[in-house]
């Protein structure tokens, strides 16, 4: 990496970049996320709050007092739209922001990220403008995801050695004068123009997933999008809660389990340059203290902890037709205290939903075996209560209790004698 500032736009010595995000009940994570992106060179940040019940506005107001380039807006007006429209809040906000950035003439590039996504250079003195300078002919620069593995402790900052799985999805830095046909969540559709990766290689999408990077291009690069989707186990479960009583399914079911990879890709380490990381860490500490964010952060973290308990209660209200998918989301947990909480919630689920048919539970247990054996064992045990002398039920329980069941292990993963205690 070099330190040449980006190609100047008309009337400006350096390109100006705006960052836009939609946030819901993510107050506990806003200070780190905002500090990070200001630190790596983003000139302005807009955050749209939607259906928020935590103290996000309080924290953003405190940040705004000293950082006027950070703005926040309420986007609850989107809920007045038909559900088929309001379900696509990110598309609506991104398209609105893209047009406003174009109309204002104040910015040259825009990027859309979630609050759990970090534009992360290996060297933290390398700014987003430097990346633009290295790709002056690109209409769009895309950066691949690195799904960070979770941590034992809650509310941890980014570490110097970031371990995770490379994932096909990307997020993109879009030039505002590019010929954009449509703004998407990951890669825009261009009428014409050049989409590259940060190393200058041409972006190539998968055949049936055009916003996912082709397998031949998967690698650690000097800039990645670190996706902090797991964090600690309690945070992971807390973040699964949708938070709206009107939702038929109270939990997010679009996860593959804790600390697990969809494609079983190997764990890689993205190591940040030590000297720049030390300065960055000190800057984050000063950011929090100088803005008097310590007390509001404690409040926001209590909200996350309360929502964890709400998730445990919500497990009981997931329709039976989604039970197996819910087990897929809950797989991979390793902390005994957390798994104990989940196990109790599953037991309560069967009581609340009056599951009194052993045949139904046997069928359910077999389905869950394709997802996670530890969770399937809980279903088999419930079936045993209803049919104490069932030979198949007793055999399954005895088999699983004789094995070292790993988090996320499926029945198809079993090999004779491989996991014996």
Protein backbone atom coordinates (compact mmCIF):
# COMPACT_ATOMS: atom_id res chain seq x y z
CA UNK A 1 0.00 0.00 0.00
CA UNK A 2 1.13 3.53 -0.68
CA UNK A 3 0.13 6.84 0.84
CA UNK A 4 -0.90 8.66 -2.33
CA UNK A 5 -4.18 10.45 -1.74
CA UNK A 6 -7.02 9.57 -4.12
CA UNK A 7 -7.61 10.97 -7.59
CA UNK A 8 -9.09 14.45 -7.13
CA UNK A 9 -12.58 15.12 -8.39
CA UNK A 10 -13.56 18.34 -10.12
CA UNK A 11 -13.03 21.22 -7.71
CA UNK A 12 -11.73 19.01 -4.88
CA UNK A 13 -8.19 18.07 -3.90
CA UNK A 14 -9.28 14.65 -2.57
CA UNK A 15 -12.42 12.60 -3.19
CA UNK A 16 -15.08 12.81 -0.49
CA UNK A 17 -16.79 9.63 0.64
CA UNK A 18 -20.09 9.21 2.47
CA UNK A 19 -21.05 6.10 4.46
CA UNK A 20 -24.72 5.17 4.94
CA UNK A 21 -26.24 2.58 7.29
CA UNK A 22 -29.61 1.44 8.58
CA UNK A 23 -29.64 0.51 12.27
CA UNK A 24 -32.14 -1.13 14.57
CA UNK A 25 -31.41 -1.43 18.30
CA UNK A 26 -27.64 -1.44 17.81
CA UNK A 27 -26.66 1.30 20.26
CA UNK A 28 -24.11 -0.97 21.96
CA UNK A 29 -22.09 -1.14 18.74
CA UNK A 30 -22.48 2.34 17.26
CA UNK A 31 -19.49 4.08 18.95
CA UNK A 32 -16.93 1.52 17.76
CA UNK A 33 -18.43 1.40 14.26
CA UNK A 34 -18.60 5.17 13.85
CA UNK A 35 -15.12 5.74 15.29
CA UNK A 36 -13.69 3.07 13.02
CA UNK A 37 -15.04 4.54 9.80
CA UNK A 38 -14.13 8.11 10.69
CA UNK A 39 -10.64 6.83 11.52
CA UNK A 40 -10.20 5.15 8.12
CA UNK A 41 -11.18 8.28 6.24
CA UNK A 42 -14.91 8.37 5.58
CA UNK A 43 -15.88 12.04 5.41
CA UNK A 44 -19.48 11.76 6.55
CA UNK A 45 -21.75 9.12 8.05
CA UNK A 46 -25.54 8.95 7.84
CA UNK A 47 -27.41 6.47 10.03
CA UNK A 48 -31.11 5.74 9.59
CA UNK A 49 -32.85 4.42 12.70
CA UNK A 50 -35.79 2.10 12.14
CA UNK A 51 -38.08 0.55 14.77
CA UNK A 52 -35.52 1.39 17.44
CA UNK A 53 -36.31 0.93 21.13
CA UNK A 54 -32.83 1.23 22.68
CA UNK A 55 -30.81 4.41 23.37
CA UNK A 56 -29.32 4.74 19.87
CA UNK A 57 -30.55 8.33 19.52
CA UNK A 58 -28.93 9.34 22.83
CA UNK A 59 -25.56 7.89 21.81
CA UNK A 60 -25.73 9.38 18.31
CA UNK A 61 -26.64 12.80 19.73
CA UNK A 62 -23.57 12.73 22.00
CA UNK A 63 -21.34 11.78 19.07
CA UNK A 64 -22.93 14.46 16.90
CA UNK A 65 -22.01 17.19 19.40
CA UNK A 66 -18.34 16.88 18.46
CA UNK A 67 -18.66 15.21 15.05
CA UNK A 68 -21.10 17.21 12.97
CA UNK A 69 -20.32 15.03 9.96
CA UNK A 70 -22.23 12.21 11.68
CA UNK A 71 -25.98 12.53 11.20
CA UNK A 72 -28.92 10.32 12.06
CA UNK A 73 -32.48 10.18 10.83
CA UNK A 74 -35.61 8.24 11.69
CA UNK A 75 -36.89 5.91 9.00
CA UNK A 76 -40.07 4.68 10.68
CA UNK A 77 -42.07 6.37 7.91
CA UNK A 78 -41.24 3.35 5.76
CA UNK A 79 -43.65 1.30 7.88
CA UNK A 80 -46.54 3.29 6.37
CA UNK A 81 -45.79 1.54 3.08
CA UNK A 82 -47.35 -1.83 2.20
CA UNK A 83 -45.49 -4.71 3.81
CA UNK A 84 -44.22 -5.85 0.43
CA UNK A 85 -42.47 -2.47 0.16
CA UNK A 86 -41.42 -1.84 3.78
CA UNK A 87 -39.77 -5.27 3.91
CA UNK A 88 -37.10 -3.83 1.62
CA UNK A 89 -36.09 -0.93 3.84
CA UNK A 90 -32.41 -1.11 2.90
CA UNK A 91 -33.15 -0.81 -0.81
CA UNK A 92 -35.36 2.22 -0.15
CA UNK A 93 -32.85 3.99 2.10
CA UNK A 94 -29.88 3.20 -0.14
CA UNK A 95 -31.62 4.44 -3.28
CA UNK A 96 -32.77 7.61 -1.49
CA UNK A 97 -29.28 8.28 -0.12
CA UNK A 98 -27.60 7.59 -3.45
CA UNK A 99 -29.81 10.12 -5.23
CA UNK A 100 -29.37 12.72 -2.47
CA UNK A 101 -25.58 12.33 -2.57
CA UNK A 102 -25.64 12.82 -6.33
CA UNK A 103 -27.90 15.86 -6.10
CA UNK A 104 -25.88 17.56 -3.35
CA UNK A 105 -22.60 17.50 -5.26
CA UNK A 106 -20.77 17.29 -1.91
CA UNK A 107 -19.47 13.75 -2.33
CA UNK A 108 -17.71 11.67 -4.95
CA UNK A 109 -18.32 8.17 -3.58
CA UNK A 110 -20.86 6.46 -1.35
CA UNK A 111 -20.79 3.15 0.50
CA UNK A 112 -23.56 1.21 2.25
CA UNK A 113 -22.70 -0.95 5.26
CA UNK A 114 -24.52 -2.59 8.14
CA UNK A 115 -23.46 -1.81 11.71
CA UNK A 116 -21.81 -5.23 11.99
CA UNK A 117 -19.68 -4.62 8.87
CA UNK A 118 -16.31 -2.85 8.99
CA UNK A 119 -14.31 -1.57 6.01
CA UNK A 120 -11.00 -2.93 7.26
CA UNK A 121 -7.53 -2.28 5.82
CA UNK A 122 -4.60 -4.32 7.12
CA UNK A 123 -2.80 -1.09 7.91
CA UNK A 124 -5.11 1.30 9.74
CA UNK A 125 -3.24 4.34 8.45
CA UNK A 126 -4.45 3.35 4.95
CA UNK A 127 -7.54 5.42 4.25
CA UNK A 128 -10.46 4.87 1.93
CA UNK A 129 -9.10 7.70 -0.25
CA UNK A 130 -5.87 5.74 -0.73
CA UNK A 131 -7.90 2.79 -2.00
CA UNK A 132 -9.63 5.08 -4.49
CA UNK A 133 -6.24 6.38 -5.64
CA UNK A 134 -5.09 2.83 -6.34
CA UNK A 135 -8.19 2.19 -8.46
CA UNK A 136 -8.72 5.52 -10.28
CA UNK A 137 -10.56 4.02 -13.26
CA UNK A 138 -13.01 1.94 -11.23
CA UNK A 139 -16.65 2.97 -11.16
CA UNK A 140 -17.18 0.62 -8.26
CA UNK A 141 -14.69 -1.05 -5.90
CA UNK A 142 -15.94 -4.19 -4.14
CA UNK A 143 -14.52 -5.74 -0.97
CA UNK A 144 -15.05 -9.34 0.10
CA UNK A 145 -16.53 -10.38 3.43
CA UNK A 146 -14.54 -11.98 6.21
CA UNK A 147 -17.01 -13.47 8.68
CA UNK A 148 -15.28 -12.94 12.02
CA UNK A 149 -15.47 -15.84 14.46
CA UNK A 150 -17.20 -15.11 17.73
CA UNK A 151 -15.48 -14.38 21.03
CA UNK A 152 -15.94 -15.71 24.54
CA UNK A 153 -16.39 -12.24 26.04
CA UNK A 154 -19.24 -9.91 25.17
CA UNK A 155 -18.81 -6.42 23.68
CA UNK A 156 -15.21 -6.88 22.60
CA UNK A 157 -13.53 -4.45 20.21
CA UNK A 158 -11.87 -5.67 17.02
CA UNK A 159 -8.70 -7.60 17.76
CA UNK A 160 -5.37 -7.27 15.97
CA UNK A 161 -5.60 -10.87 14.73
CA UNK A 162 -9.04 -11.29 13.20
CA UNK A 163 -9.94 -14.94 12.71
CA UNK A 164 -12.80 -15.91 10.48
CA UNK A 165 -14.13 -17.46 7.29
CA UNK A 166 -13.88 -15.85 3.86
CA UNK A 167 -17.41 -15.49 2.47
CA UNK A 168 -18.50 -14.85 -1.14
CA UNK A 169 -20.52 -11.69 -0.52
CA UNK A 170 -19.01 -8.23 -0.94
CA UNK A 171 -19.81 -4.61 -0.14
CA UNK A 172 -19.07 -1.85 -2.61
CA UNK A 173 -17.74 1.69 -2.83
CA UNK A 174 -19.68 3.39 -5.64
CA UNK A 175 -18.59 6.40 -7.64
CA UNK A 176 -21.49 8.83 -7.73
CA UNK A 177 -20.98 9.78 -11.37
CA UNK A 178 -21.01 6.13 -12.45
CA UNK A 179 -23.77 4.94 -14.79
CA UNK A 180 -25.77 3.12 -12.12
CA UNK A 181 -28.88 1.27 -13.28
CA UNK A 182 -29.84 -0.03 -9.84
CA UNK A 183 -28.51 0.21 -6.29
CA UNK A 184 -28.31 -3.21 -4.66
CA UNK A 185 -27.26 -4.39 -1.21
CA UNK A 186 -23.84 -5.66 -2.29
CA UNK A 187 -22.93 -4.73 -5.88
CA UNK A 188 -24.77 -2.14 -7.99
CA UNK A 189 -25.97 -2.89 -11.50
CA UNK A 190 -24.17 -0.59 -13.92
CA UNK A 191 -25.41 0.36 -17.38
CA UNK A 192 -21.76 0.48 -18.25
CA UNK A 193 -18.55 0.84 -16.31
CA UNK A 194 -15.84 -1.02 -14.45
CA UNK A 195 -16.25 -2.95 -11.19
CA UNK A 196 -13.01 -4.08 -9.57
CA UNK A 197 -11.73 -5.50 -6.32
CA UNK A 198 -9.35 -3.48 -4.15
CA UNK A 199 -6.32 -5.05 -5.85
CA UNK A 200 -7.53 -3.97 -9.28
CA UNK A 201 -8.76 -7.38 -10.43
CA UNK A 202 -12.08 -7.33 -12.27
CA UNK A 203 -15.09 -8.35 -10.19
CA UNK A 204 -16.67 -11.59 -11.38
CA UNK A 205 -19.89 -12.83 -9.83
CA UNK A 206 -21.15 -16.36 -9.39
CA UNK A 207 -23.37 -17.69 -12.16
CA UNK A 208 -26.57 -17.79 -10.11
CA UNK A 209 -25.53 -15.25 -7.45
CA UNK A 210 -24.31 -12.14 -9.27
CA UNK A 211 -23.60 -10.22 -6.04
CA UNK A 212 -21.35 -13.01 -4.72
CA UNK A 213 -17.70 -13.16 -5.71
CA UNK A 214 -16.66 -16.05 -7.94
CA UNK A 215 -14.82 -18.84 -6.12
CA UNK A 216 -11.67 -18.31 -8.19
CA UNK A 217 -11.27 -14.84 -6.66
CA UNK A 218 -11.67 -15.75 -2.98
CA UNK A 219 -8.62 -14.67 -0.97
CA UNK A 220 -7.49 -12.37 1.81
CA UNK A 221 -6.73 -8.95 0.36
CA UNK A 222 -5.29 -5.80 1.89
CA UNK A 223 -8.81 -4.52 2.54
CA UNK A 224 -11.68 -6.76 3.66
CA UNK A 225 -15.17 -6.23 5.02
CA UNK A 226 -14.97 -7.70 8.51
CA UNK A 227 -18.45 -8.99 9.26
CA UNK A 228 -19.02 -9.22 13.02
CA UNK A 229 -22.16 -11.34 12.82
CA UNK A 230 -21.36 -13.67 15.75
CA UNK A 231 -19.70 -11.77 18.63
CA UNK A 232 -20.30 -13.66 21.91
CA UNK A 233 -22.89 -16.43 22.16
CA UNK A 234 -25.25 -14.31 24.24
CA UNK A 235 -24.94 -11.40 21.81
CA UNK A 236 -25.54 -13.75 18.88
CA UNK A 237 -28.77 -15.00 20.44
CA UNK A 238 -29.80 -11.50 21.45
CA UNK A 239 -29.37 -10.25 17.90
CA UNK A 240 -31.64 -13.03 16.60
CA UNK A 241 -34.66 -11.32 18.16
CA UNK A 242 -36.83 -9.44 15.68
CA UNK A 243 -38.32 -7.27 18.41
CA UNK A 244 -41.82 -6.88 16.93
CA UNK A 245 -44.81 -8.71 18.49
CA UNK A 246 -46.59 -8.59 15.11
CA UNK A 247 -44.00 -10.83 13.44
CA UNK A 248 -45.26 -14.37 12.83
CA UNK A 249 -41.72 -15.65 13.35
CA UNK A 250 -40.16 -13.78 16.31
CA UNK A 251 -36.58 -14.84 15.49
CA UNK A 252 -34.31 -14.27 12.52
CA UNK A 253 -33.87 -17.63 10.82
CA UNK A 254 -31.37 -16.57 8.14
CA UNK A 255 -28.30 -17.82 10.01
CA UNK A 256 -26.43 -21.14 9.70
CA UNK A 257 -25.52 -21.38 13.38
CA UNK A 258 -22.96 -19.87 15.71
CA UNK A 259 -19.35 -19.73 14.49
CA UNK A 260 -20.18 -21.97 11.54
CA UNK A 261 -19.50 -21.48 7.85
CA UNK A 262 -22.02 -22.29 5.12
CA UNK A 263 -19.37 -23.87 2.90
CA UNK A 264 -17.07 -25.29 5.62
CA UNK A 265 -14.29 -22.99 4.46
CA UNK A 266 -11.11 -22.99 6.60
CA UNK A 267 -10.47 -20.45 9.33
CA UNK A 268 -8.05 -17.74 8.21
CA UNK A 269 -6.35 -14.92 10.13
CA UNK A 270 -6.41 -11.31 8.97
CA UNK A 271 -3.59 -9.66 10.92
CA UNK A 272 -3.55 -5.89 11.32
CA UNK A 273 -0.25 -4.00 11.24
CA UNK A 274 0.81 -3.73 14.94
CA UNK A 275 1.89 -0.10 15.16
CA UNK A 276 -1.17 1.30 13.41
CA UNK A 277 -3.42 -0.97 15.49
CA UNK A 278 -2.00 0.41 18.76
CA UNK A 279 -2.72 3.97 17.69
CA UNK A 280 -6.19 2.96 16.53
CA UNK A 281 -7.03 1.26 19.84
CA UNK A 282 -5.95 4.31 21.82
CA UNK A 283 -8.01 6.54 19.54
CA UNK A 284 -11.11 4.41 20.17
CA UNK A 285 -10.62 4.64 23.93
CA UNK A 286 -10.30 8.43 23.74
CA UNK A 287 -13.35 8.63 21.45
CA UNK A 288 -15.54 6.90 24.03
CA UNK A 289 -14.24 8.85 27.04
CA UNK A 290 -14.13 12.29 25.41
CA UNK A 291 -17.76 11.98 24.32
CA UNK A 292 -18.92 10.74 27.75
CA UNK A 293 -20.26 7.54 26.25
CA UNK A 294 -19.39 5.17 29.11
CA UNK A 295 -22.73 5.41 30.96
CA UNK A 296 -24.94 5.30 27.82
CA UNK A 297 -22.91 2.31 26.62
CA UNK A 298 -23.60 0.48 29.88
CA UNK A 299 -27.31 1.11 29.35
CA UNK A 300 -27.17 -0.15 25.76
CA UNK A 301 -25.35 -3.29 26.85
CA UNK A 302 -28.01 -3.99 29.46
CA UNK A 303 -30.53 -3.76 26.62
CA UNK A 304 -28.63 -6.47 24.71
CA UNK A 305 -28.58 -8.69 27.79
CA UNK A 306 -32.33 -8.24 28.35
CA UNK A 307 -32.97 -9.02 24.69
CA UNK A 308 -31.01 -12.27 25.12
CA UNK A 309 -33.58 -13.38 27.69
CA UNK A 310 -36.34 -12.23 25.35
CA UNK A 311 -34.89 -14.44 22.61
CA UNK A 312 -35.01 -17.43 24.95
CA UNK A 313 -38.70 -16.72 25.61
CA UNK A 314 -39.38 -16.16 21.91
CA UNK A 315 -38.12 -19.64 21.06
CA UNK A 316 -41.40 -20.97 22.44
CA UNK A 317 -43.43 -18.92 19.95
CA UNK A 318 -41.81 -20.06 16.71
CA UNK A 319 -44.41 -22.06 14.72
CA UNK A 320 -43.76 -25.80 14.66
CA UNK A 321 -43.30 -25.65 10.90
CA UNK A 322 -40.16 -23.57 11.48
CA UNK A 323 -38.79 -25.64 14.35
CA UNK A 324 -36.06 -27.36 12.33
CA UNK A 325 -34.93 -24.07 10.80
CA UNK A 326 -34.78 -22.60 14.29
CA UNK A 327 -32.57 -25.49 15.40
CA UNK A 328 -30.28 -24.65 12.47
CA UNK A 329 -29.91 -21.11 13.80
CA UNK A 330 -29.22 -22.35 17.35
CA UNK A 331 -26.59 -24.93 16.39
CA UNK A 332 -22.91 -24.38 17.18
CA UNK A 333 -23.23 -23.02 20.72
CA UNK A 334 -20.42 -24.19 23.01
CA UNK A 335 -20.76 -22.32 26.31
CA UNK A 336 -22.42 -24.67 28.78
CA UNK A 337 -24.38 -21.88 30.49
CA UNK A 338 -25.80 -20.66 27.18
CA UNK A 339 -26.58 -24.15 25.88
CA UNK A 340 -28.31 -24.89 29.19
CA UNK A 341 -30.54 -21.84 28.65
CA UNK A 342 -31.35 -22.98 25.12
CA UNK A 343 -32.04 -26.54 26.26
CA UNK A 344 -34.50 -25.25 28.87
CA UNK A 345 -36.22 -23.11 26.22
CA UNK A 346 -36.61 -26.16 23.96
CA UNK A 347 -38.15 -28.12 26.83
CA UNK A 348 -40.53 -25.23 27.49
CA UNK A 349 -41.34 -25.12 23.77
CA UNK A 350 -42.75 -28.64 23.86
CA UNK A 351 -44.86 -27.82 26.92
CA UNK A 352 -46.20 -24.52 25.54
CA UNK A 353 -47.00 -26.04 22.15
CA UNK A 354 -48.51 -29.18 23.71
CA UNK A 355 -46.39 -31.65 21.79
CA UNK A 356 -47.97 -34.89 23.03
CA UNK A 357 -47.47 -37.16 20.03
CA UNK A 358 -44.41 -39.39 20.25
CA UNK A 359 -44.67 -40.09 16.50
CA UNK A 360 -44.53 -36.37 15.75
CA UNK A 361 -41.51 -35.93 18.02
CA UNK A 362 -39.69 -38.90 16.48
CA UNK A 363 -40.18 -37.41 13.02
CA UNK A 364 -39.04 -34.03 14.33
CA UNK A 365 -35.95 -35.54 15.97
CA UNK A 366 -34.95 -37.21 12.70
CA UNK A 367 -35.29 -33.88 10.89
CA UNK A 368 -33.19 -32.10 13.52
CA UNK A 369 -30.51 -34.80 13.18
CA UNK A 370 -29.78 -33.34 9.75
CA UNK A 371 -29.01 -30.03 11.48
CA UNK A 372 -27.42 -30.68 14.89
CA UNK A 373 -27.16 -33.88 16.93
CA UNK A 374 -26.90 -32.16 20.31
CA UNK A 375 -30.20 -30.41 19.68
CA UNK A 376 -31.73 -33.57 18.21
CA UNK A 377 -30.84 -35.37 21.44
CA UNK A 378 -33.11 -32.97 23.34
CA UNK A 379 -36.01 -33.89 21.05
CA UNK A 380 -35.32 -37.62 21.45
CA UNK A 381 -35.38 -37.19 25.23
CA UNK A 382 -38.78 -35.52 25.03
CA UNK A 383 -40.02 -38.38 22.83
CA UNK A 384 -38.80 -40.84 25.48
CA UNK A 385 -40.98 -39.13 28.09
CA UNK A 386 -44.00 -39.92 25.93
CA UNK A 387 -42.87 -43.43 24.95
CA UNK A 388 -40.60 -44.70 27.77
CA UNK A 389 -40.15 -48.14 26.25
CA UNK A 390 -39.59 -47.10 22.66
CA UNK A 391 -36.60 -49.18 21.47
CA UNK A 392 -35.55 -46.84 18.65
CA UNK A 393 -35.77 -43.80 20.92
CA UNK A 394 -33.68 -45.47 23.63
CA UNK A 395 -31.14 -46.66 21.06
CA UNK A 396 -30.73 -43.17 19.59
CA UNK A 397 -30.26 -41.58 23.01
CA UNK A 398 -27.73 -44.24 24.04
CA UNK A 399 -25.84 -43.78 20.77
CA UNK A 400 -25.59 -40.01 21.09
CA UNK A 401 -24.68 -40.11 24.77
CA UNK A 402 -21.78 -42.42 23.88
CA UNK A 403 -20.38 -39.89 21.41
CA UNK A 404 -18.41 -36.67 21.74
CA UNK A 405 -21.00 -34.55 19.99
CA UNK A 406 -19.38 -31.49 18.48
CA UNK A 407 -21.35 -28.26 18.03
CA UNK A 408 -23.02 -28.30 14.63
CA UNK A 409 -22.41 -32.02 14.05
CA UNK A 410 -25.04 -33.69 11.85
CA UNK A 411 -25.91 -37.37 11.59
CA UNK A 412 -24.26 -37.49 8.18
CA UNK A 413 -20.99 -36.46 9.88
CA UNK A 414 -20.81 -39.59 12.01
CA UNK A 415 -18.08 -42.10 11.29
CA UNK A 416 -17.79 -45.41 13.14
CA UNK A 417 -15.82 -44.97 16.34
CA UNK A 418 -14.61 -41.51 15.39
CA UNK A 419 -16.40 -39.61 18.15
CA UNK A 420 -16.54 -42.24 20.88
CA UNK A 421 -15.99 -40.98 24.41
